[in-house]
Every structure is written in structure tokens, then in C-alpha cells.
Amino acid sequence: MVHFFPCKISHNKQLHAIDTEKRLTFALTFLARVEVDASWLWQILCSDEAHFHLSGKVNTQNCRIRNTENLLLHSPKVTVWCGFTATFILGPFFFEEATRNGPVTCTVTAKRFKNMLENFVVPQLQQQQCLDSSTFMQDGEPPHIGLCVQ
């Protein structure tokens, strides 16, 4: 019997019942903060990283792959972080390691994420003269909330 891996590339995350309450709490807290200081909106640094598969453009509605190997697991890709405020963009930052054959994309771990914050984000925020006034927003992925990052 041949075992095939069905793969559908997706760009979303599943929402759970508790998420509705969390989103409402966030929205109310956010609005209250804006009422106190409207300029705070200009100081929010939104950020995220994404994988870009090097195989080309992806059509998620019509893209179905069946193969004896899980091609998406080891497909060539780059992992890129970017941040932005209302007034400037930070990045891109590529998560990669140096090898004899050149740079290779690596997994985003808490240690690598902390290193990126300390050696890439903080210096750029200092250059923009907004390190102390910026509010850093990110999702709750494990590398973002690791003890060494907090």
C-alpha cells in the first residue's frame, strides 16, 4: 500500500471559542489606551514572520499535492521577519545560518528570536529614537513567548 501525504497550503489559524473573549478584551483595552493617548497609535510596532516557499506562487484554493513524501516539510524556503509602525518599516530580517555553501534558512526558536530582537530590532528602534516609546505587538507563537525572550 502506498502512503500519500495530502498537502493544502493554508494561510490562516483556527479560532477557538475562548478567542472571542480574548479578542473583545484586547479591543476594549486597546480603545481605552487610545482614549488616554491618541498618539500611542503611532508608536505601535506590529511584527510577524512568514515562510516564503521558493517553488513559486501559491494558489491555496486549487493547490493540492499528493506525494509519497511530505514535500512541504522540506521544501526550500526563506523565513523573513518584518515590523512596521505608522511611520517606518523595520526589516526585512532573514532567519538563516551561515554554512560552507552559503546561508541556509533555520527554524525560529526563542533563542534566535531574542538574538534578532537584541541585534536587529533594538538598534533600529534606537536609530529611530523610539526604543523607549514603542509598543511591540506580536502573536503568541512559542519563540515569541519563551522565557529568554520575556
Foldseek 3Di string as FASTA:
>chain_A
DQDKDKDFDDDDDDDDPVVVVVVVVVVVVVVVVCVVPVCLQQQEKEKDKDKDFPPDDDDRVPDIDIDSDPCVVDGAIWIWMKIDGPPDIFDTDTQWDQDPVGTGGDDQALVNVQVCCVPGVQVVCVVVVCNPSHDYDDDDPRSCPPPVND
